[in-house]
Structures are given as structure tokens and as C-alpha cells.
Amino acid sequence: MTEEILDLVDENDQIIGQLSRDEVYKQGLHNYRVVHGFVVNKEGKIWIPKRTLTKKIYPGALDYSVAGHVEAGETYEESFIRETAEELNIDLKQTLWKPLGKMTPKEGAHCFQMVYEIQLETAPVYNTSDYTEAFWMSLQEIIDRIEGGELAKTDIVTTVKRFYF
């Protein structure tokens, strides 16, 4: 597997350099980019998967419907399209989706993240190397489960509250 290289950005999300993903985490940096997406159905429920136990970061945790690092040279949108195809086997050219907005470390996010929403009525056929199971959950159920102690990736509750409440 080739080493994943990420763009480093300044406080205005402008690229200032590059570093390997491993080194970014080793140094505890927060000035890199990620994409997060929620699959939402007409009832307003969000499809939330559980990460495999083999994941380096947050094994076995609840996750965004789709999530990934923006690789060096990629835009947020390019990364989201790639990650959605890799993790959920969804071609976004055939599906309704939209950006919800950006969150930054200034706003309390762990890094620079662009958040998207995908409209879908059926559960995605997810990549089993990424997720073990998934659940359709109401917004309140997501918050209650995570605030009740269920392991989850950073910022999910903050993101749900920001874009859906």
C-alpha cells in the first residue's frame, strides 16, 4: 500500500505543504482536510455504519456514512466522490447529493472538514473492509447513543447538531 500524502493548510484552508498521513497523526496536527458525508432517507434517518476492528483509528466505532482524508492535490469534492465510490459503491453521478458546509478547528472541529449529504432510500452496499454493520438512526438516536457512551468517531455529534438542528 502506498503512503497516503495529505495537504497541510493554514487557518484559512490554503495549502502550505504536504505530509504523510502517519506523520500528521504522529505529530498531532489538525491542519489537514477530510470529507464526511451522511446518507439520509426521506424519513430523515441517517445511515450510520460501524467501523471494522482492523481500522487503525477508531476501530469498532460508529462512523459517518462516508469519511476520508483529502489526498494531496485533491479538492474536497473530488475526495468525496472517490471515498463514496470506495466505501459505499455509490456513483455520485447517479445519486442526489449536496454539500452541507465546512467545519474548521476554529469552530471546534478536529481538522478542516467538508460535510455532504447523500439522498438514498436503500442502505448502501458498503465495503466490508471498512464497515461491519450499519443502522438507520434518527438524529436524536445518534446523539443519545454517542453521548450515552457508545464509541464513535470524533465530531459526529457536533456535525449532526450543526447541520440538522
Protein backbone atom coordinates (compact mmCIF):
# COMPACT_ATOMS: atom_id res chain seq x y z
CA MET A 1 0.00 0.00 0.00
CA THR A 2 1.38 3.39 -0.93
CA GLU A 3 1.81 6.02 1.73
CA GLU A 4 -1.10 8.46 1.85
CA ILE A 5 0.10 12.07 1.46
CA LEU A 6 -2.11 14.89 2.74
CA ASP A 7 -2.09 18.62 2.07
CA LEU A 8 -1.41 20.76 5.13
CA VAL A 9 -3.36 24.02 5.26
CA ASP A 10 -3.22 27.34 7.10
CA GLU A 11 -6.02 28.80 9.23
CA ASN A 12 -7.77 29.94 6.01
CA ASP A 13 -7.68 26.43 4.49
CA GLN A 14 -4.97 27.41 1.99
CA ILE A 15 -2.37 24.74 1.18
CA ILE A 16 1.00 25.37 2.82
CA GLY A 17 2.70 21.97 2.49
CA GLN A 18 2.34 18.21 2.48
CA LEU A 19 2.98 15.40 4.93
CA SER A 20 2.23 11.70 5.19
CA ARG A 21 -0.97 10.75 6.99
CA ASP A 22 1.03 8.73 9.52
CA GLU A 23 3.24 11.72 10.29
CA VAL A 24 0.22 14.05 10.59
CA TYR A 25 -1.23 11.77 13.28
CA LYS A 26 2.12 11.15 14.95
CA GLN A 27 2.64 14.91 15.30
CA GLY A 28 -0.95 15.51 16.44
CA LEU A 29 -1.63 18.04 13.69
CA HIS A 30 -5.08 19.43 12.96
CA ASN A 31 -4.37 21.45 9.81
CA TYR A 32 -5.34 18.84 7.21
CA ARG A 33 -8.56 18.16 5.27
CA VAL A 34 -11.20 15.44 5.45
CA VAL A 35 -14.61 14.82 3.92
CA HIS A 36 -17.60 13.50 5.82
CA GLY A 37 -20.97 12.54 4.46
CA PHE A 38 -24.34 11.41 5.74
CA VAL A 39 -26.66 9.12 3.79
CA VAL A 40 -30.17 10.37 4.58
CA ASN A 41 -33.56 8.88 3.63
CA LYS A 42 -36.93 10.61 3.18
CA GLU A 43 -37.84 9.90 6.81
CA GLY A 44 -34.82 11.95 7.88
CA LYS A 45 -32.96 8.93 9.23
CA ILE A 46 -29.22 8.76 8.76
CA TRP A 47 -27.38 5.58 7.78
CA ILE A 48 -24.60 5.14 10.36
CA PRO A 49 -22.05 2.34 9.91
CA LYS A 50 -19.77 0.70 12.46
CA ARG A 51 -16.06 0.56 11.57
CA THR A 52 -14.21 -2.73 11.31
CA LEU A 53 -11.96 -3.78 14.19
CA THR A 54 -8.96 -3.69 11.83
CA LYS A 55 -9.10 0.10 11.37
CA LYS A 56 -6.07 1.99 12.78
CA ILE A 57 -8.21 4.85 14.04
CA TYR A 58 -11.44 4.27 16.00
CA PRO A 59 -11.79 0.50 15.42
CA GLY A 60 -15.33 -0.71 16.09
CA ALA A 61 -16.68 2.84 16.37
CA LEU A 62 -19.78 4.39 14.84
CA ASP A 63 -18.78 6.45 11.82
CA TYR A 64 -20.06 8.95 9.32
CA SER A 65 -21.86 7.29 6.40
CA VAL A 66 -18.77 8.06 4.37
CA ALA A 67 -15.50 9.61 5.52
CA GLY A 68 -11.98 10.02 4.32
CA HIS A 69 -8.88 12.13 4.07
CA VAL A 70 -8.50 14.58 1.21
CA GLU A 71 -5.32 13.43 -0.50
CA ALA A 72 -2.65 15.88 -1.65
CA GLY A 73 -3.76 17.69 -4.80
CA GLU A 74 -7.43 16.71 -4.44
CA THR A 75 -10.35 19.05 -3.89
CA TYR A 76 -12.90 18.30 -1.20
CA GLU A 77 -15.43 17.34 -3.89
CA GLU A 78 -13.02 15.01 -5.72
CA SER A 79 -12.21 13.31 -2.44
CA PHE A 80 -15.88 12.90 -1.52
CA ILE A 81 -16.70 11.36 -4.90
CA ARG A 82 -13.74 8.94 -4.59
CA GLU A 83 -14.47 7.97 -0.98
CA THR A 84 -18.18 7.41 -1.67
CA ALA A 85 -17.34 5.06 -4.55
CA GLU A 86 -14.69 3.20 -2.50
CA GLU A 87 -16.63 2.83 0.75
CA LEU A 88 -20.27 2.66 -0.38
CA ASN A 89 -20.06 1.58 -4.04
CA ILE A 90 -22.13 4.64 -4.97
CA ASP A 91 -21.56 6.61 -8.16
CA LEU A 92 -22.49 10.16 -7.22
CA LYS A 93 -23.21 10.96 -10.87
CA GLN A 94 -26.30 8.76 -10.46
CA THR A 95 -27.36 9.97 -6.99
CA LEU A 96 -28.69 13.17 -5.41
CA TRP A 97 -26.15 14.78 -3.10
CA LYS A 98 -25.18 18.22 -1.85
CA PRO A 99 -22.61 19.97 0.32
CA LEU A 100 -23.87 20.97 3.77
CA GLY A 101 -20.87 23.11 4.69
CA LYS A 102 -17.42 23.27 6.18
CA MET A 103 -16.26 22.95 9.79
CA THR A 104 -12.84 24.13 10.95
CA PRO A 105 -10.61 23.83 14.01
CA LYS A 106 -11.58 27.44 14.88
CA GLU A 107 -15.14 26.11 15.28
CA GLY A 108 -14.05 23.18 17.43
CA ALA A 109 -13.67 20.55 14.69
CA HIS A 110 -10.63 18.27 14.91
CA CYS A 111 -9.46 19.39 11.43
CA PHE A 112 -10.80 21.08 8.28
CA GLN A 113 -13.80 19.09 7.13
CA MET A 114 -16.34 19.47 4.35
CA VAL A 115 -19.65 17.79 5.11
CA TYR A 116 -22.02 16.41 2.47
CA GLU A 117 -25.42 14.75 2.35
CA ILE A 118 -26.46 11.92 0.03
CA GLN A 119 -30.17 11.24 -0.54
CA LEU A 120 -30.79 7.49 -0.64
CA GLU A 121 -33.76 5.31 0.28
CA THR A 122 -31.96 1.98 0.50
CA ALA A 123 -28.93 1.03 2.55
CA PRO A 124 -25.69 1.26 0.58
CA VAL A 125 -23.82 -1.90 -0.37
CA TYR A 126 -20.81 -0.97 1.75
CA ASN A 127 -17.22 -2.16 1.51
CA THR A 128 -16.79 -4.84 4.21
CA SER A 129 -13.15 -3.87 4.73
CA ASP A 130 -14.44 -0.52 6.04
CA TYR A 131 -17.61 -1.42 7.97
CA THR A 132 -19.08 -4.43 9.78
CA GLU A 133 -22.72 -3.35 10.10
CA ALA A 134 -24.89 -0.26 9.83
CA PHE A 135 -28.08 1.24 11.21
CA TRP A 136 -30.70 3.75 10.07
CA MET A 137 -30.96 6.15 13.01
CA SER A 138 -32.93 9.24 13.87
CA LEU A 139 -30.92 12.35 14.68
CA GLN A 140 -31.79 12.03 18.36
CA GLU A 141 -30.82 8.34 18.44
CA ILE A 142 -27.37 9.17 17.06
CA ILE A 143 -26.87 11.80 19.74
CA ASP A 144 -28.26 9.62 22.55
CA ARG A 145 -26.14 6.59 21.66
CA ILE A 146 -22.90 8.53 21.37
CA GLU A 147 -23.49 10.82 24.36
CA GLY A 148 -24.52 7.66 26.24
CA GLY A 149 -21.03 6.26 25.78
CA GLU A 150 -21.07 4.30 22.53
CA LEU A 151 -17.71 4.60 20.78
CA ALA A 152 -17.85 6.93 17.78
CA LYS A 153 -15.53 8.93 15.56
CA THR A 154 -14.74 12.46 16.64
CA ASP A 155 -17.15 15.26 15.75
CA ILE A 156 -20.19 13.18 14.68
CA VAL A 157 -22.48 14.67 17.35
CA THR A 158 -21.12 18.18 16.74
CA THR A 159 -21.65 17.76 12.99
CA VAL A 160 -25.21 16.41 13.37
CA LYS A 161 -26.12 19.27 15.70
CA ARG A 162 -24.56 21.87 13.41
CA PHE A 163 -26.23 20.80 10.17
CA TYR A 164 -29.51 19.21 11.31
CA PHE A 165 -30.66 21.15 14.39
